[in-house]
Protein backbone atom coordinates (compact mmCIF):
# COMPACT_ATOMS: atom_id res chain seq x y z
CA MET A 1 102.83 112.32 130.38
CA SER A 2 101.05 109.06 130.02
CA THR A 3 102.36 105.71 128.94
CA SER A 4 98.78 104.85 127.97
CA VAL A 5 99.09 107.28 125.04
CA ALA A 6 101.63 106.51 122.32
CA VAL A 7 102.75 107.96 119.01
CA VAL A 8 103.73 105.90 115.97
CA PRO A 9 105.67 108.35 113.79
CA GLY A 10 106.79 107.81 110.22
CA SER A 11 106.91 109.25 106.76
CA PHE A 12 104.42 106.60 105.56
CA ASP A 13 105.35 107.41 101.95
CA PRO A 14 103.46 105.20 101.15
CA PRO A 15 102.01 103.19 104.03
CA THR A 16 103.04 99.52 103.88
CA LEU A 17 101.71 96.30 105.38
CA GLY A 18 104.63 96.52 107.82
CA HIS A 19 103.37 99.90 109.00
CA LEU A 20 99.88 98.46 109.50
CA ASP A 21 101.35 95.54 111.45
CA VAL A 22 103.08 97.94 113.86
CA ILE A 23 99.94 100.11 114.13
CA ARG A 24 97.72 97.09 114.85
CA ARG A 25 100.01 95.76 117.56
CA ALA A 26 100.60 99.19 119.13
CA ALA A 27 96.84 99.87 119.16
CA GLY A 28 96.48 96.77 121.32
CA LEU A 29 99.10 98.00 123.78
CA TYR A 30 98.01 101.60 124.36
CA ARG A 31 94.71 103.28 125.27
CA GLN A 32 95.19 105.91 122.57
CA LEU A 33 97.47 105.76 119.56
CA HIS A 34 98.52 108.71 117.42
CA VAL A 35 99.71 107.64 113.96
CA LEU A 36 101.77 110.63 112.95
CA VAL A 37 102.87 111.45 109.42
CA VAL A 38 106.06 113.44 109.84
CA HIS A 39 107.89 115.51 107.28
CA ASN A 40 111.44 114.28 106.77
CA PRO A 41 113.52 117.06 105.15
CA ASP A 42 116.16 114.48 104.17
CA LYS A 43 113.73 112.57 101.95
CA GLU A 44 111.96 113.60 98.77
CA ALA A 45 108.36 112.54 99.19
CA MET A 46 106.43 110.69 96.51
CA LEU A 47 103.05 111.59 98.03
CA PRO A 48 101.90 114.85 99.61
CA ILE A 49 101.15 114.61 103.32
CA ALA A 50 97.38 114.98 102.75
CA GLN A 51 97.37 111.88 100.53
CA ARG A 52 99.41 109.90 103.04
CA LEU A 53 96.95 110.84 105.79
CA ALA A 54 93.99 109.77 103.66
CA LEU A 55 95.66 106.49 102.67
CA LEU A 56 96.50 105.71 106.30
CA GLU A 57 92.95 106.42 107.45
CA GLN A 58 91.50 104.26 104.68
CA SER A 59 94.02 101.47 105.30
CA ILE A 60 93.40 101.41 109.07
CA ALA A 61 89.63 101.35 108.49
CA GLU A 62 89.80 98.62 105.83
CA ALA A 63 92.09 96.50 108.03
CA GLU A 64 89.57 96.94 110.87
CA ILE A 65 92.24 97.95 113.36
CA GLU A 66 90.41 98.67 116.58
CA GLY A 67 91.23 101.23 119.21
CA ASP A 68 91.32 104.94 119.81
CA ILE A 69 93.50 105.87 116.83
CA VAL A 70 94.23 109.43 115.77
CA VAL A 71 95.85 109.99 112.37
CA ALA A 72 97.64 113.34 112.18
CA SER A 73 100.64 115.10 110.68
CA TRP A 74 103.52 117.10 112.11
CA SER A 75 106.00 119.15 110.15
CA MET A 76 107.28 121.83 112.52
CA GLY A 77 109.33 121.28 115.64
CA LEU A 78 110.54 118.21 117.43
CA LEU A 79 108.63 114.94 117.47
CA VAL A 80 108.70 115.02 121.26
CA ASP A 81 106.91 118.39 121.13
CA TYR A 82 103.97 116.65 119.46
CA ALA A 83 104.15 113.80 121.97
CA THR A 84 104.13 116.26 124.85
CA ASP A 85 101.24 118.23 123.33
CA VAL A 86 99.02 115.11 123.17
CA GLY A 87 100.17 113.69 126.51
CA ALA A 88 102.03 110.73 125.04
CA GLY A 89 104.85 109.20 127.05
CA VAL A 90 105.85 106.65 124.42
CA LEU A 91 107.03 106.62 120.81
CA VAL A 92 106.58 103.31 119.00
CA LYS A 93 109.00 102.48 116.19
CA GLY A 94 109.11 99.44 113.95
CA ILE A 95 112.60 97.96 113.68
CA ARG A 96 113.45 95.78 110.67
CA SER A 97 117.20 95.33 111.03
CA GLN A 98 120.37 96.28 112.88
CA VAL A 99 120.60 99.31 110.59
CA ASP A 100 117.27 100.55 111.98
CA VAL A 101 118.48 99.94 115.55
CA ALA A 102 121.67 101.93 114.91
CA TYR A 103 119.68 104.80 113.39
CA GLU A 104 116.87 104.87 115.98
CA THR A 105 118.84 104.35 119.22
CA PRO A 106 120.51 107.79 119.39
CA MET A 107 117.18 109.47 118.63
CA ALA A 108 115.48 107.44 121.36
CA ILE A 109 118.09 108.53 123.90
CA VAL A 110 117.80 112.19 122.90
CA ASN A 111 113.99 112.05 122.99
CA ARG A 112 114.13 110.58 126.50
CA ASN A 113 116.59 113.26 127.61
CA LEU A 114 114.64 116.12 126.02
CA ALA A 115 111.13 115.27 127.14
CA HIS A 116 111.14 112.05 129.20
CA VAL A 117 109.45 110.29 126.27
CA GLU A 118 110.41 106.63 126.02
CA THR A 119 110.78 104.72 122.76
CA VAL A 120 109.47 101.19 122.31
CA PHE A 121 110.81 99.16 119.40
CA LEU A 122 108.53 96.57 117.82
CA LEU A 123 109.99 93.85 115.65
CA PRO A 124 108.14 93.22 112.39
CA ASP A 125 106.16 90.23 111.34
CA PRO A 126 108.74 88.25 109.32
CA ALA A 127 106.48 88.55 106.26
CA HIS A 128 107.10 92.31 106.26
CA ALA A 129 110.65 92.49 107.60
CA LEU A 130 112.31 93.43 104.32
CA VAL A 131 109.69 95.81 102.96
CA SER A 132 110.26 99.55 103.17
CA SER A 133 108.42 102.52 101.72
CA SER A 134 111.47 103.34 99.60
CA LEU A 135 111.42 99.84 98.10
CA VAL A 136 107.70 100.18 97.37
CA ARG A 137 108.29 103.59 95.73
CA GLN A 138 111.02 102.11 93.53
CA VAL A 139 108.90 99.12 92.45
CA ALA A 140 105.88 101.38 91.79
CA ALA A 141 107.97 103.85 89.77
CA LEU A 142 109.14 101.02 87.54
CA GLY A 143 105.60 99.75 86.98
CA GLY A 144 105.85 96.70 89.25
CA ASP A 145 103.05 95.17 91.31
CA VAL A 146 103.24 96.52 94.86
CA SER A 147 100.04 94.86 96.09
CA PRO A 148 101.89 92.19 98.15
CA TYR A 149 103.57 94.95 100.19
CA VAL A 150 100.91 97.61 100.76
CA PRO A 151 97.33 97.80 102.07
CA GLY A 152 94.49 97.65 99.54
CA PRO A 153 93.80 101.41 99.45
CA VAL A 154 97.47 102.12 98.72
CA ALA A 155 97.68 99.44 96.02
CA ARG A 156 94.54 100.76 94.34
CA PHE A 157 95.80 104.34 94.54
CA LEU A 158 99.22 103.47 93.07
CA ASP A 159 97.69 101.16 90.43
CA THR A 160 95.28 103.76 89.12
CA GLY A 161 97.79 106.56 89.30
CA ALA A 162 95.07 108.54 91.11
CA ARG A 163 96.07 111.87 92.49
CA ASP A 164 92.92 112.80 94.36
CA ILE A 165 91.76 110.94 97.43
């Protein structure tokens, strides 16, 4: 496995500016970056995976994030199975707080033990440190303006209530 190939996994439901910050910085660190929309059975999704993929692709393009970036989804099997399949030796996770560290650390250790895949934690830009997809979903559901927290394509999608991308 290569440490020049990395995977940034997440539910991206919806993608936020914090997600784009992590993607931009990771794209500068690795030769190839896989941005992977994963299905989390413990969460009820607001957006279908196909819409999240489209919004991520549009957001990455509009933000002009450079690099060899693959946007894909994974819903069956272990995350490290995907990483192994694409030759990635690194998972990149954004960490906003000590709660995230406590949640992500055991998974990082298991992933390393299962498949020798390392996990790199990136701290957020302070402007995005308190923004989560669940917070954005809550604000959007109550009719609030989410544009300060999400990329343009996501804001436009949520504002128009569009269902087709």
